[in-house]
């Protein structure tokens, strides 16, 4: 009734169908990875035209909040002190708001400063600026190459 070949053919067809599906899935995954790599490369090229610049901004001690992340202090005399030079108290973090609430601020060299002497908190502020790439033509404000005074090309007089 049933030959040996018919069952083997069904199994073989199922295996071929599964193999075909697995190949298609592998192709889709490969294309997705290649697409992500190309997108990442183009974004990296665009990101290289920007440069990170960190500036120190002076914030008045009255405007300091708990979330203010300062790098240092500036005294009324104009002297600047990095927060690394301030002695840590107990197990608290060295935050500018916590330091300004102390009775006195002790430095690592043993010097004592009073919070009333602190005029500004020095807060680092990072921003991105666009850097002109070498080899590219300079652009005007409207993204076109700047024109000279005369719109015509210079001509020689005989």
Protein backbone atom coordinates (compact mmCIF):
# COMPACT_ATOMS: atom_id res chain seq x y z
CA UNK A 1 0.00 0.00 0.00
CA UNK A 2 2.40 2.61 1.20
CA UNK A 3 5.77 2.51 -0.42
CA UNK A 4 8.92 3.36 1.37
CA UNK A 5 9.52 6.32 -0.87
CA UNK A 6 6.35 8.25 -0.05
CA UNK A 7 7.15 8.74 3.67
CA UNK A 8 10.75 9.60 2.91
CA UNK A 9 9.61 12.12 0.29
CA UNK A 10 7.31 13.85 2.79
CA UNK A 11 10.08 14.11 5.35
CA UNK A 12 12.50 15.31 2.67
CA UNK A 13 9.99 17.98 1.52
CA UNK A 14 9.51 19.16 5.11
CA UNK A 15 13.27 19.42 5.57
CA UNK A 16 13.63 21.32 2.30
CA UNK A 17 10.84 23.70 3.33
CA UNK A 18 12.45 24.30 6.76
CA UNK A 19 15.83 24.78 5.08
CA UNK A 20 14.30 27.33 2.68
CA UNK A 21 12.68 29.25 5.57
CA UNK A 22 15.93 29.27 7.55
CA UNK A 23 17.83 30.65 4.54
CA UNK A 24 15.27 33.44 4.13
CA UNK A 25 15.48 34.32 7.85
CA UNK A 26 19.28 34.38 7.62
CA UNK A 27 19.10 36.69 4.58
CA UNK A 28 16.75 39.08 6.39
CA UNK A 29 18.97 39.18 9.48
CA UNK A 30 22.07 39.79 7.32
CA UNK A 31 20.37 42.64 5.46
CA UNK A 32 19.22 44.20 8.74
CA UNK A 33 22.76 44.06 10.17
CA UNK A 34 24.26 45.57 7.00
CA UNK A 35 21.64 48.34 7.08
CA UNK A 36 22.45 49.15 10.71
CA UNK A 37 26.19 49.23 9.95
CA UNK A 38 25.70 51.61 7.01
CA UNK A 39 23.43 53.87 9.07
CA UNK A 40 25.90 53.89 11.96
CA UNK A 41 28.79 54.75 9.65
CA UNK A 42 26.93 57.70 8.14
CA UNK A 43 25.93 58.98 11.59
CA UNK A 44 29.52 58.66 12.81
CA UNK A 45 30.71 60.68 9.83
CA UNK A 46 28.15 63.40 10.62
CA UNK A 47 29.04 63.36 14.31
CA UNK A 48 32.72 63.90 13.53
CA UNK A 49 31.88 67.36 12.22
CA UNK A 50 30.96 68.38 15.77
CA UNK A 51 33.34 69.01 18.65
CA UNK A 52 32.53 68.83 22.36
CA UNK A 53 33.42 72.01 24.19
CA UNK A 54 33.27 72.29 27.97
CA UNK A 55 33.01 75.73 29.48
CA UNK A 56 33.04 76.66 33.15
CA UNK A 57 30.00 78.74 34.09
CA UNK A 58 29.87 80.81 37.27
CA UNK A 59 26.66 80.21 39.23
CA UNK A 60 25.86 82.37 42.24
CA UNK A 61 25.68 80.45 45.51
CA UNK A 62 22.08 81.62 46.00
CA UNK A 63 21.05 79.85 42.78
CA UNK A 64 22.70 76.52 43.65
CA UNK A 65 20.27 73.59 43.95
CA UNK A 66 20.71 70.00 45.14
CA UNK A 67 21.12 68.79 41.57
CA UNK A 68 23.82 71.35 40.65
CA UNK A 69 26.99 69.48 39.68
CA UNK A 70 29.87 71.82 40.35
CA UNK A 71 33.58 71.26 39.76
CA UNK A 72 34.81 73.95 42.11
CA UNK A 73 34.30 77.12 44.11
CA UNK A 74 35.30 80.72 43.57
CA UNK A 75 35.92 82.88 46.63
CA UNK A 76 35.26 86.61 46.97
CA UNK A 77 39.00 87.17 46.62
CA UNK A 78 38.89 85.57 43.14
CA UNK A 79 40.68 82.39 44.23
CA UNK A 80 39.36 79.20 42.63
CA UNK A 81 39.29 75.88 44.50
CA UNK A 82 38.59 72.49 42.91
CA UNK A 83 36.16 70.23 44.80
CA UNK A 84 38.85 67.53 44.99
CA UNK A 85 40.67 69.77 47.48
CA UNK A 86 37.64 69.85 49.82
CA UNK A 87 37.68 67.25 52.61
CA UNK A 88 34.83 64.74 52.45
CA UNK A 89 32.61 64.61 55.55
CA UNK A 90 31.47 61.25 56.83
CA UNK A 91 29.90 59.17 54.09
CA UNK A 92 28.19 62.03 52.29
CA UNK A 93 28.88 62.86 48.67
CA UNK A 94 30.75 66.06 47.95
CA UNK A 95 27.96 68.10 46.41
CA UNK A 96 28.15 71.85 46.24
CA UNK A 97 24.83 72.24 48.08
CA UNK A 98 26.09 70.05 50.94
CA UNK A 99 29.42 71.91 51.12
CA UNK A 100 27.74 75.32 51.30
CA UNK A 101 25.55 74.16 54.23
CA UNK A 102 28.58 73.30 56.37
CA UNK A 103 29.71 75.54 59.22
CA UNK A 104 33.20 75.62 57.75
CA UNK A 105 34.83 74.11 54.68
CA UNK A 106 38.06 72.23 55.33
CA UNK A 107 40.57 71.77 52.52
CA UNK A 108 43.01 68.86 52.16
CA UNK A 109 45.94 71.12 53.08
CA UNK A 110 44.29 71.94 56.43
CA UNK A 111 43.06 75.40 55.45
CA UNK A 112 39.57 76.38 56.61
CA UNK A 113 37.18 78.49 54.54
CA UNK A 114 33.77 79.74 55.62
CA UNK A 115 30.74 79.35 53.31
CA UNK A 116 30.15 83.11 53.43
CA UNK A 117 33.43 83.59 51.55
CA UNK A 118 32.22 81.51 48.59
CA UNK A 119 30.80 83.75 45.88
CA UNK A 120 30.33 81.40 42.90
CA UNK A 121 30.02 77.69 42.17
CA UNK A 122 31.99 76.70 39.05
CA UNK A 123 29.75 74.45 36.95
CA UNK A 124 31.05 72.71 33.81
CA UNK A 125 28.71 73.08 30.83
CA UNK A 126 29.25 70.89 27.77
CA UNK A 127 27.93 71.79 24.32
CA UNK A 128 28.59 70.76 20.74
CA UNK A 129 29.97 73.15 18.15
CA UNK A 130 30.22 72.54 14.44
CA UNK A 131 33.74 72.20 13.08
CA UNK A 132 34.47 73.03 9.44
CA UNK A 133 35.90 69.99 7.70
CA UNK A 134 39.09 70.44 5.72
CA UNK A 135 38.75 70.08 1.99
CA UNK A 136 35.20 71.38 1.85
CA UNK A 137 34.32 74.67 0.24
CA UNK A 138 33.35 77.44 2.67
CA UNK A 139 29.63 78.03 2.88
CA UNK A 140 27.68 81.22 3.37
CA UNK A 141 24.73 81.67 5.70
CA UNK A 142 22.33 80.22 3.15
CA UNK A 143 24.50 77.11 2.56
CA UNK A 144 25.66 78.32 -0.85
CA UNK A 145 29.24 79.12 -1.75
CA UNK A 146 29.96 82.83 -1.19
CA UNK A 147 30.09 85.04 -4.27
CA UNK A 148 32.64 87.70 -5.01
CA UNK A 149 31.86 91.40 -5.47
CA UNK A 150 31.33 90.92 -9.18
CA UNK A 151 28.94 88.18 -10.25
CA UNK A 152 30.66 87.76 -13.60
CA UNK A 153 33.93 85.96 -14.04
CA UNK A 154 36.93 88.32 -14.27
CA UNK A 155 37.93 89.13 -17.85
CA UNK A 156 41.28 90.31 -19.11
CA UNK A 157 41.50 93.55 -21.05
CA UNK A 158 43.58 93.51 -24.25
